[in-house]
Amino acid sequence: MPAAGRDLGIVIPCHNEAHAIAAVVLAAASLRPRMIVVVDDGSTDETARRAHEAGAKVLRSAARQGKGAALALGWQACRDAGTEWVLMLDGDGQHDPAEARALLAKAGPRTPLVIGDRLGRAGDMPLLRRWTNRVMNRCLAIVAGTPLRDSQSGFRLAHLPTLLALRLRSRHYEIESEMCSAFARAGLAIDFVPVTCRYAKERSKILPVQDTLRWMGWFLACCFRHGMTSFLGPSEQHPGAMLPPDTRMGQVRRPSQAPPFFGTPPATDGQHGVMP
């Protein structure tokens, strides 16, 4: 089981979450991670200031780049700090950071990705969102070659060197789907832990038309790229084990390299986008 503290970094991507972010950061601090990184993705409110005051390291994008891009900035910061595991959760208060202990208990050398499963306790989830998530799970299972209980949950724990070695490229909400697909197709184990999810009255940050079309484009590209016949079963490569850093050299980056779309980093406020 990965230990909290030096082994753990926490990444919280957010956009206009000033009302909730301080409470999320303070709750996450109870896990005693090495660092908490809040990536403020082009917010126009006081998200960055309140996260900084709560004790997080804050990275700011001057314009909205997308959840995938925000997560990658956070992963880079955790990698630079030397953390081995990264916990991801949303900044709107949906996830209870205390439940991350259940994710930590499941993770290990043969389970490099653990996801919080909201659908087993989906009583408060809006009906349309619940139905959409189940449909996306079924579709993604075709790409991943394995059943996925909650592929769209943003509450997840990953082995960071393995995650970075898979070279994820999505910049928006399809990042969760790409992550599941990449781990599964590499033969890496994915486990799910039941978690609660709190839904307040604030509007979702997902753009129904744009993000749905973007996800469908990503899904169809996967089908075209891999061929439907390859989806009949999971990959046999690296079954259930962490991806060794010296294997699959066509995909693994050197430790000093940034994630693939960092060649043109997003515009940021402040030096290197760090909250002063």
C-alpha atoms as a PDB file:
ATOM      1  CA  MET A   1       0.000   0.000   0.000  1.00  0.00           C
ATOM      2  CA  PRO A   2       1.402   3.451  -0.851  1.00  0.00           C
ATOM      3  CA  ALA A   3       2.067   5.553   2.203  1.00  0.00           C
ATOM      4  CA  ALA A   4       0.699   9.016   2.622  1.00  0.00           C
ATOM      5  CA  GLY A   5       3.305  11.682   3.259  1.00  0.00           C
ATOM      6  CA  ARG A   6       6.441  11.714   1.113  1.00  0.00           C
ATOM      7  CA  ASP A   7       5.065   9.219  -1.417  1.00  0.00           C
ATOM      8  CA  LEU A   8       1.831  11.117  -2.094  1.00  0.00           C
ATOM      9  CA  GLY A   9       1.004  14.242  -4.067  1.00  0.00           C
ATOM     10  CA  ILE A  10      -2.523  15.569  -4.490  1.00  0.00           C
ATOM     11  CA  VAL A  11      -3.676  17.369  -7.645  1.00  0.00           C
ATOM     12  CA  ILE A  12      -6.906  19.377  -7.664  1.00  0.00           C
ATOM     13  CA  PRO A  13      -7.869  20.891 -11.038  1.00  0.00           C
ATOM     14  CA  CYS A  14     -10.523  23.587 -10.779  1.00  0.00           C
ATOM     15  CA  HIS A  15     -12.285  26.422 -12.554  1.00  0.00           C
ATOM     16  CA  ASN A  16     -14.216  29.042 -10.553  1.00  0.00           C
ATOM     17  CA  GLU A  17     -14.427  27.027  -7.319  1.00  0.00           C
ATOM     18  CA  ALA A  18     -13.798  29.845  -4.833  1.00  0.00           C
ATOM     19  CA  HIS A  19     -16.799  28.765  -2.765  1.00  0.00           C
ATOM     20  CA  ALA A  20     -15.399  25.279  -2.055  1.00  0.00           C
ATOM     21  CA  ILE A  21     -11.678  25.075  -2.745  1.00  0.00           C
ATOM     22  CA  ALA A  22     -10.386  26.104   0.690  1.00  0.00           C
ATOM     23  CA  ALA A  23     -12.447  23.412   2.427  1.00  0.00           C
ATOM     24  CA  VAL A  24     -11.261  20.814  -0.107  1.00  0.00           C
ATOM     25  CA  VAL A  25      -7.605  21.730   0.425  1.00  0.00           C
ATOM     26  CA  LEU A  26      -7.915  21.668   4.212  1.00  0.00           C
ATOM     27  CA  ALA A  27      -9.626  18.267   4.114  1.00  0.00           C
ATOM     28  CA  ALA A  28      -6.972  16.904   1.745  1.00  0.00           C
ATOM     29  CA  ALA A  29      -4.237  18.095   4.113  1.00  0.00           C
ATOM     30  CA  SER A  30      -5.450  15.527   6.661  1.00  0.00           C
ATOM     31  CA  LEU A  31      -3.819  12.872   4.462  1.00  0.00           C
ATOM     32  CA  ARG A  32      -0.448  14.536   5.155  1.00  0.00           C
ATOM     33  CA  PRO A  33       0.759  14.438   1.542  1.00  0.00           C
ATOM     34  CA  ARG A  34       4.096  15.791   0.425  1.00  0.00           C
ATOM     35  CA  MET A  35       2.267  18.468  -1.532  1.00  0.00           C
ATOM     36  CA  ILE A  36      -1.179  19.634  -2.583  1.00  0.00           C
ATOM     37  CA  VAL A  37      -1.293  21.256  -6.022  1.00  0.00           C
ATOM     38  CA  VAL A  38      -4.331  23.287  -7.033  1.00  0.00           C
ATOM     39  CA  VAL A  39      -4.338  23.999 -10.762  1.00  0.00           C
ATOM     40  CA  ASP A  40      -6.519  27.050 -11.365  1.00  0.00           C
ATOM     41  CA  ASP A  41      -7.676  26.617 -14.950  1.00  0.00           C
ATOM     42  CA  GLY A  42      -8.464  30.174 -15.986  1.00  0.00           C
ATOM     43  CA  SER A  43     -10.741  31.069 -13.082  1.00  0.00           C
ATOM     44  CA  THR A  44     -12.270  34.539 -12.928  1.00  0.00           C
ATOM     45  CA  ASP A  45     -13.059  34.391  -9.212  1.00  0.00           C
ATOM     46  CA  GLU A  46     -10.861  34.056  -6.096  1.00  0.00           C
ATOM     47  CA  THR A  47     -10.132  30.344  -6.471  1.00  0.00           C
ATOM     48  CA  ALA A  48      -6.347  30.814  -6.619  1.00  0.00           C
ATOM     49  CA  ARG A  49      -6.153  33.149  -3.624  1.00  0.00           C
ATOM     50  CA  ARG A  50      -8.325  30.976  -1.407  1.00  0.00           C
ATOM     51  CA  ALA A  51      -6.443  27.810  -2.348  1.00  0.00           C
ATOM     52  CA  HIS A  52      -3.132  29.532  -1.590  1.00  0.00           C
ATOM     53  CA  GLU A  53      -4.393  30.777   1.770  1.00  0.00           C
ATOM     54  CA  ALA A  54      -5.513  27.234   2.619  1.00  0.00           C
ATOM     55  CA  GLY A  55      -1.940  25.999   2.104  1.00  0.00           C
ATOM     56  CA  ALA A  56      -1.877  24.611  -1.445  1.00  0.00           C
ATOM     57  CA  LYS A  57       0.741  25.190  -4.104  1.00  0.00           C
ATOM     58  CA  VAL A  58      -1.213  27.010  -6.812  1.00  0.00           C
ATOM     59  CA  LEU A  59      -0.529  26.872 -10.549  1.00  0.00           C
ATOM     60  CA  ARG A  60      -2.568  29.323 -12.607  1.00  0.00           C
ATOM     61  CA  SER A  61      -3.472  29.352 -16.282  1.00  0.00           C
ATOM     62  CA  ALA A  62      -4.422  32.778 -17.610  1.00  0.00           C
ATOM     63  CA  ALA A  63      -7.014  31.189 -19.922  1.00  0.00           C
ATOM     64  CA  ARG A  64      -9.009  28.013 -19.595  1.00  0.00           C
ATOM     65  CA  GLN A  65      -7.063  25.082 -21.055  1.00  0.00           C
ATOM     66  CA  GLY A  66      -9.178  22.071 -20.051  1.00  0.00           C
ATOM     67  CA  LYS A  67      -9.160  19.491 -17.291  1.00  0.00           C
ATOM     68  CA  GLY A  68      -6.625  17.228 -18.983  1.00  0.00           C
ATOM     69  CA  ALA A  69      -4.165  20.070 -19.414  1.00  0.00           C
ATOM     70  CA  ALA A  70      -4.702  21.149 -15.795  1.00  0.00           C
ATOM     71  CA  LEU A  71      -4.089  17.634 -14.497  1.00  0.00           C
ATOM     72  CA  ALA A  72      -0.893  17.320 -16.516  1.00  0.00           C
ATOM     73  CA  LEU A  73       0.448  20.532 -14.964  1.00  0.00           C
ATOM     74  CA  GLY A  74      -0.243  19.057 -11.544  1.00  0.00           C
ATOM     75  CA  TRP A  75       1.380  15.739 -12.441  1.00  0.00           C
ATOM     76  CA  GLN A  76       4.484  17.562 -13.582  1.00  0.00           C
ATOM     77  CA  ALA A  77       4.698  19.442 -10.276  1.00  0.00           C
ATOM     78  CA  CYS A  78       4.322  16.188  -8.303  1.00  0.00           C
ATOM     79  CA  ARG A  79       6.943  14.472 -10.445  1.00  0.00           C
ATOM     80  CA  ASP A  80       9.357  17.348  -9.879  1.00  0.00           C
ATOM     81  CA  ALA A  81       8.745  17.035  -6.126  1.00  0.00           C
ATOM     82  CA  GLY A  82       9.569  13.323  -6.225  1.00  0.00           C
ATOM     83  CA  THR A  83       6.193  11.850  -5.286  1.00  0.00           C
ATOM     84  CA  GLU A  84       5.490   8.272  -6.343  1.00  0.00           C
ATOM     85  CA  TRP A  85       1.687   8.376  -6.196  1.00  0.00           C
ATOM     86  CA  VAL A  86      -0.768  11.071  -7.221  1.00  0.00           C
ATOM     87  CA  LEU A  87      -4.294  11.468  -5.884  1.00  0.00           C
ATOM     88  CA  MET A  88      -6.706  13.381  -8.109  1.00  0.00           C
ATOM     89  CA  LEU A  89      -9.947  14.933  -6.935  1.00  0.00           C
ATOM     90  CA  ASP A  90     -12.252  17.728  -8.036  1.00  0.00           C
ATOM     91  CA  GLY A  91     -12.222  21.155  -6.439  1.00  0.00           C
ATOM     92  CA  ASP A  92     -15.986  21.593  -6.080  1.00  0.00           C
ATOM     93  CA  GLY A  93     -16.388  19.505  -2.918  1.00  0.00           C
ATOM     94  CA  GLN A  94     -17.980  16.499  -4.629  1.00  0.00           C
ATOM     95  CA  HIS A  95     -15.353  14.144  -3.234  1.00  0.00           C
ATOM     96  CA  ASP A  96     -14.550  13.527   0.412  1.00  0.00           C
ATOM     97  CA  PRO A  97     -10.736  13.447   0.693  1.00  0.00           C
ATOM     98  CA  ALA A  98     -11.045  11.264   3.798  1.00  0.00           C
ATOM     99  CA  GLU A  99     -12.308   8.462   1.550  1.00  0.00           C
ATOM    100  CA  ALA A 100      -8.958   8.502  -0.239  1.00  0.00           C
ATOM    101  CA  ARG A 101      -7.685   6.196   2.502  1.00  0.00           C
ATOM    102  CA  ALA A 102      -9.750   3.409   0.930  1.00  0.00           C
ATOM    103  CA  LEU A 103      -8.088   4.099  -2.430  1.00  0.00           C
ATOM    104  CA  LEU A 104      -4.654   4.065  -0.802  1.00  0.00           C
ATOM    105  CA  ALA A 105      -5.437   0.705   0.817  1.00  0.00           C
ATOM    106  CA  LYS A 106      -6.222  -0.846  -2.588  1.00  0.00           C
ATOM    107  CA  ALA A 107      -3.219   0.499  -4.495  1.00  0.00           C
ATOM    108  CA  GLY A 108       0.069  -1.325  -4.749  1.00  0.00           C
ATOM    109  CA  PRO A 109       2.693  -2.812  -7.081  1.00  0.00           C
ATOM    110  CA  ARG A 110       0.071  -4.802  -8.992  1.00  0.00           C
ATOM    111  CA  THR A 111      -2.684  -2.176  -8.905  1.00  0.00           C
ATOM    112  CA  PRO A 112      -1.321   1.134 -10.202  1.00  0.00           C
ATOM    113  CA  LEU A 113      -4.727   2.782 -10.746  1.00  0.00           C
ATOM    114  CA  VAL A 114      -7.591   2.913  -8.232  1.00  0.00           C
ATOM    115  CA  ILE A 115     -10.783   4.830  -9.004  1.00  0.00           C
ATOM    116  CA  GLY A 116     -13.532   5.996  -6.680  1.00  0.00           C
ATOM    117  CA  ASP A 117     -16.774   4.359  -7.841  1.00  0.00           C
ATOM    118  CA  ARG A 118     -19.709   6.762  -7.374  1.00  0.00           C
ATOM    119  CA  LEU A 119     -22.308   4.705  -9.190  1.00  0.00           C
ATOM    120  CA  GLY A 120     -22.759   2.148  -6.426  1.00  0.00           C
ATOM    121  CA  ARG A 121     -23.908   5.011  -4.184  1.00  0.00           C
ATOM    122  CA  ALA A 122     -25.475   7.214  -6.833  1.00  0.00           C
ATOM    123  CA  GLY A 123     -28.625   8.177  -4.970  1.00  0.00           C
ATOM    124  CA  ASP A 124     -27.866  11.915  -5.125  1.00  0.00           C
ATOM    125  CA  MET A 125     -26.463  11.860  -8.660  1.00  0.00           C
ATOM    126  CA  PRO A 126     -28.764  13.555 -11.186  1.00  0.00           C
ATOM    127  CA  LEU A 127     -30.582  10.932 -13.237  1.00  0.00           C
ATOM    128  CA  LEU A 128     -29.283  12.179 -16.606  1.00  0.00           C
ATOM    129  CA  ARG A 129     -25.698  12.188 -15.366  1.00  0.00           C
ATOM    130  CA  ARG A 130     -26.098   8.696 -13.934  1.00  0.00           C
ATOM    131  CA  TRP A 131     -27.494   7.381 -17.225  1.00  0.00           C
ATOM    132  CA  THR A 132     -24.777   9.138 -19.243  1.00  0.00           C
ATOM    133  CA  ASN A 133     -22.029   7.678 -17.056  1.00  0.00           C
ATOM    134  CA  ARG A 134     -23.354   4.157 -17.466  1.00  0.00           C
ATOM    135  CA  VAL A 135     -23.540   4.522 -21.258  1.00  0.00           C
ATOM    136  CA  MET A 136     -19.986   5.870 -21.352  1.00  0.00           C
ATOM    137  CA  ASN A 137     -18.799   2.971 -19.187  1.00  0.00           C
ATOM    138  CA  ARG A 138     -20.234   0.504 -21.688  1.00  0.00           C
ATOM    139  CA  CYS A 139     -18.703   2.309 -24.652  1.00  0.00           C
ATOM    140  CA  LEU A 140     -15.314   2.641 -23.009  1.00  0.00           C
ATOM    141  CA  ALA A 141     -15.279  -1.042 -22.072  1.00  0.00           C
ATOM    142  CA  ILE A 142     -15.126  -1.724 -25.824  1.00  0.00           C
ATOM    143  CA  VAL A 143     -11.960   0.369 -26.142  1.00  0.00           C
ATOM    144  CA  ALA A 144     -10.388  -0.824 -22.897  1.00  0.00           C
ATOM    145  CA  GLY A 145     -11.250  -4.494 -23.355  1.00  0.00           C
ATOM    146  CA  THR A 146     -12.419  -4.794 -19.750  1.00  0.00           C
ATOM    147  CA  PRO A 147     -15.507  -3.750 -17.727  1.00  0.00           C
ATOM    148  CA  LEU A 148     -15.213  -0.356 -16.008  1.00  0.00           C
ATOM    149  CA  ARG A 149     -17.521   0.469 -13.108  1.00  0.00           C
ATOM    150  CA  ASP A 150     -17.072   4.262 -13.100  1.00  0.00           C
ATOM    151  CA  SER A 151     -14.783   5.403 -15.876  1.00  0.00           C
ATOM    152  CA  GLN A 152     -15.712   9.086 -15.520  1.00  0.00           C
ATOM    153  CA  SER A 153     -14.945   9.547 -11.834  1.00  0.00           C
ATOM    154  CA  GLY A 154     -12.382  12.282 -11.198  1.00  0.00           C
ATOM    155  CA  PHE A 155     -11.521  10.784  -7.793  1.00  0.00           C
ATOM    156  CA  ARG A 156      -8.598   8.486  -8.518  1.00  0.00           C
ATOM    157  CA  LEU A 157      -5.153   7.416  -7.341  1.00  0.00           C
ATOM    158  CA  ALA A 158      -2.370   6.516  -9.763  1.00  0.00           C
ATOM    159  CA  HIS A 159       1.247   5.403  -9.639  1.00  0.00           C
ATOM    160  CA  LEU A 160       2.829   8.528 -11.084  1.00  0.00           C
ATOM    161  CA  PRO A 161       5.792   7.071 -13.057  1.00  0.00           C
ATOM    162  CA  THR A 162       3.424   4.578 -14.676  1.00  0.00           C
ATOM    163  CA  LEU A 163       0.883   7.282 -15.450  1.00  0.00           C
ATOM    164  CA  LEU A 164       3.455   9.524 -17.101  1.00  0.00           C
ATOM    165  CA  ALA A 165       4.949   6.637 -19.064  1.00  0.00           C
ATOM    166  CA  LEU A 166       1.610   6.089 -20.819  1.00  0.00           C
ATOM    167  CA  ARG A 167       1.849   9.522 -22.489  1.00  0.00           C
ATOM    168  CA  LEU A 168      -1.749  10.652 -22.173  1.00  0.00           C
ATOM    169  CA  ARG A 169      -2.626  13.476 -24.554  1.00  0.00           C
ATOM    170  CA  SER A 170      -6.213  14.560 -23.833  1.00  0.00           C
ATOM    171  CA  ARG A 171      -6.583  18.170 -22.767  1.00  0.00           C
ATOM    172  CA  HIS A 172     -10.227  18.147 -21.704  1.00  0.00           C
ATOM    173  CA  TYR A 173     -12.729  15.936 -19.874  1.00  0.00           C
ATOM    174  CA  GLU A 174     -11.958  12.897 -21.999  1.00  0.00           C
ATOM    175  CA  ILE A 175      -8.756  12.574 -19.931  1.00  0.00           C
ATOM    176  CA  GLU A 176     -10.518  10.187 -17.515  1.00  0.00           C
ATOM    177  CA  SER A 177     -11.530   7.914 -20.394  1.00  0.00           C
ATOM    178  CA  GLU A 178      -8.085   7.992 -21.966  1.00  0.00           C
ATOM    179  CA  MET A 179      -6.471   7.143 -18.644  1.00  0.00           C
ATOM    180  CA  CYS A 180      -8.693   4.078 -18.159  1.00  0.00           C
ATOM    181  CA  SER A 181      -8.137   2.948 -21.736  1.00  0.00           C
ATOM    182  CA  ALA A 182      -4.362   3.405 -21.574  1.00  0.00           C
ATOM    183  CA  PHE A 183      -3.954   1.484 -18.311  1.00  0.00           C
ATOM    184  CA  ALA A 184      -6.240  -1.342 -19.434  1.00  0.00           C
ATOM    185  CA  ARG A 185      -4.710  -1.716 -22.890  1.00  0.00           C
ATOM    186  CA  ALA A 186      -1.246  -1.901 -21.329  1.00  0.00           C
ATOM    187  CA  GLY A 187      -2.470  -4.820 -19.205  1.00  0.00           C
ATOM    188  CA  LEU A 188      -2.250  -2.772 -16.024  1.00  0.00           C
ATOM    189  CA  ALA A 189      -4.746  -3.492 -13.264  1.00  0.00           C
ATOM    190  CA  ILE A 190      -7.511  -0.999 -12.472  1.00  0.00           C
ATOM    191  CA  ASP A 191      -9.473  -1.371  -9.246  1.00  0.00           C
ATOM    192  CA  PHE A 192     -12.577   0.462  -8.020  1.00  0.00           C
ATOM    193  CA  VAL A 193     -13.559   1.502  -4.509  1.00  0.00           C
ATOM    194  CA  PRO A 194     -17.099   2.616  -3.599  1.00  0.00           C
ATOM    195  CA  VAL A 195     -17.185   6.293  -2.611  1.00  0.00           C
ATOM    196  CA  THR A 196     -19.869   8.840  -1.886  1.00  0.00           C
ATOM    197  CA  CYS A 197     -20.338  11.900  -4.036  1.00  0.00           C
ATOM    198  CA  ARG A 198     -21.978  15.137  -2.942  1.00  0.00           C
ATOM    199  CA  TYR A 199     -23.922  17.118  -5.508  1.00  0.00           C
ATOM    200  CA  ALA A 200     -24.681  20.732  -4.686  1.00  0.00           C
ATOM    201  CA  LYS A 201     -26.834  23.068  -6.755  1.00  0.00           C
ATOM    202  CA  GLU A 202     -23.988  24.734  -8.634  1.00  0.00           C
ATOM    203  CA  ARG A 203     -23.858  24.238 -12.377  1.00  0.00           C
ATOM    204  CA  SER A 204     -21.578  21.550 -13.792  1.00  0.00           C
ATOM    205  CA  LYS A 205     -18.446  22.799 -15.562  1.00  0.00           C
ATOM    206  CA  ILE A 206     -19.017  20.280 -18.359  1.00  0.00           C
ATOM    207  CA  LEU A 207     -20.225  21.865 -21.602  1.00  0.00           C
ATOM    208  CA  PRO A 208     -22.901  19.390 -22.745  1.00  0.00           C
ATOM    209  CA  VAL A 209     -22.577  19.848 -26.502  1.00  0.00           C
ATOM    210  CA  GLN A 210     -18.889  20.647 -26.902  1.00  0.00           C
ATOM    211  CA  ASP A 211     -17.609  18.096 -24.400  1.00  0.00           C
ATOM    212  CA  THR A 212     -19.943  15.347 -25.642  1.00  0.00           C
ATOM    213  CA  LEU A 213     -18.809  15.894 -29.234  1.00  0.00           C
ATOM    214  CA  ARG A 214     -15.186  16.006 -28.118  1.00  0.00           C
ATOM    215  CA  TRP A 215     -15.565  12.713 -26.221  1.00  0.00           C
ATOM    216  CA  MET A 216     -17.293  11.067 -29.182  1.00  0.00           C
ATOM    217  CA  GLY A 217     -14.482  12.227 -31.445  1.00  0.00           C
ATOM    218  CA  TRP A 218     -11.925  10.752 -29.053  1.00  0.00           C
ATOM    219  CA  PHE A 219     -13.842   7.469 -28.827  1.00  0.00           C
ATOM    220  CA  LEU A 220     -14.219   7.109 -32.602  1.00  0.00           C
ATOM    221  CA  ALA A 221     -10.534   7.914 -33.075  1.00  0.00           C
ATOM    222  CA  CYS A 222      -9.689   5.096 -30.655  1.00  0.00           C
ATOM    223  CA  CYS A 223     -11.904   2.692 -32.586  1.00  0.00           C
ATOM    224  CA  PHE A 224     -10.269   3.687 -35.862  1.00  0.00           C
ATOM    225  CA  ARG A 225      -6.724   3.629 -34.469  1.00  0.00           C
ATOM    226  CA  HIS A 226      -6.849   0.263 -32.732  1.00  0.00           C
ATOM    227  CA  GLY A 227      -9.377  -1.590 -34.890  1.00  0.00           C
ATOM    228  CA  MET A 228     -12.484  -3.163 -33.438  1.00  0.00           C
ATOM    229  CA  THR A 229     -10.995  -6.659 -33.398  1.00  0.00           C
ATOM    230  CA  SER A 230      -8.399  -5.573 -30.842  1.00  0.00           C
ATOM    231  CA  PHE A 231     -11.152  -4.686 -28.361  1.00  0.00           C
ATOM    232  CA  LEU A 232     -12.285  -8.273 -27.807  1.00  0.00           C
ATOM    233  CA  GLY A 233      -9.960  -8.740 -24.866  1.00  0.00           C
ATOM    234  CA  PRO A 234      -7.470  -6.836 -22.686  1.00  0.00           C
ATOM    235  CA  SER A 235      -3.830  -6.595 -23.607  1.00  0.00           C
ATOM    236  CA  GLU A 236      -1.522  -9.294 -22.275  1.00  0.00           C
ATOM    237  CA  GLN A 237       1.359  -6.840 -21.884  1.00  0.00           C
ATOM    238  CA  HIS A 238       2.534  -6.171 -18.313  1.00  0.00           C
ATOM    239  CA  PRO A 239      -0.421  -8.024 -16.728  1.00  0.00           C
ATOM    240  CA  GLY A 240      -1.458  -6.290 -13.533  1.00  0.00           C
ATOM    241  CA  ALA A 241       1.939  -4.814 -12.728  1.00  0.00           C
ATOM    242  CA  MET A 242       3.409  -1.332 -12.714  1.00  0.00           C
ATOM    243  CA  LEU A 243       5.014  -0.360 -15.986  1.00  0.00           C
ATOM    244  CA  PRO A 244       8.782  -0.658 -15.502  1.00  0.00           C
ATOM    245  CA  PRO A 245      10.558   2.628 -16.302  1.00  0.00           C
ATOM    246  CA  ASP A 246      12.898   0.998 -18.824  1.00  0.00           C
ATOM    247  CA  THR A 247      10.257  -0.831 -20.899  1.00  0.00           C
ATOM    248  CA  ARG A 248       8.183   0.289 -23.859  1.00  0.00           C
ATOM    249  CA  MET A 249      10.881   2.823 -24.670  1.00  0.00           C
ATOM    250  CA  GLY A 250       8.883   4.171 -27.579  1.00  0.00           C
ATOM    251  CA  GLN A 251       6.420   5.556 -25.046  1.00  0.00           C
ATOM    252  CA  VAL A 252       8.430   6.261 -21.904  1.00  0.00           C
ATOM    253  CA  ARG A 253       9.880   9.747 -21.412  1.00  0.00           C
ATOM    254  CA  ARG A 254      13.078  10.560 -19.633  1.00  0.00           C
ATOM    255  CA  PRO A 255      12.435  11.886 -16.098  1.00  0.00           C
ATOM    256  CA  SER A 256      13.363  15.427 -17.141  1.00  0.00           C
ATOM    257  CA  GLN A 257      10.847  15.490 -19.995  1.00  0.00           C
ATOM    258  CA  ALA A 258       7.474  17.135 -19.607  1.00  0.00           C
ATOM    259  CA  PRO A 259       4.199  15.497 -20.693  1.00  0.00           C
ATOM    260  CA  PRO A 260       3.704  15.510 -24.479  1.00  0.00           C
ATOM    261  CA  PHE A 261       1.655  18.677 -24.848  1.00  0.00           C
ATOM    262  CA  PHE A 262       3.959  20.729 -22.664  1.00  0.00           C
ATOM    263  CA  GLY A 263       5.979  21.766 -25.693  1.00  0.00           C
ATOM    264  CA  THR A 264       3.765  24.859 -25.880  1.00  0.00           C
ATOM    265  CA  PRO A 265       2.763  25.496 -22.266  1.00  0.00           C
ATOM    266  CA  PRO A 266      -0.448  27.390 -21.569  1.00  0.00           C
ATOM    267  CA  ALA A 267      -0.246  31.068 -20.764  1.00  0.00           C
ATOM    268  CA  THR A 268      -0.005  31.608 -17.032  1.00  0.00           C
ATOM    269  CA  ASP A 269      -0.269  34.402 -14.510  1.00  0.00           C
ATOM    270  CA  GLY A 270       2.786  35.030 -12.374  1.00  0.00           C
ATOM    271  CA  GLN A 271       6.223  33.469 -12.638  1.00  0.00           C
ATOM    272  CA  HIS A 272       5.809  29.916 -13.982  1.00  0.00           C
ATOM    273  CA  GLY A 273       2.130  30.169 -13.137  1.00  0.00           C
ATOM    274  CA  VAL A 274       2.805  29.812  -9.410  1.00  0.00           C
ATOM    275  CA  MET A 275       0.717  31.757  -6.962  1.00  0.00           C
ATOM    276  CA  PRO A 276       3.056  34.107  -5.080  1.00  0.00           C
END
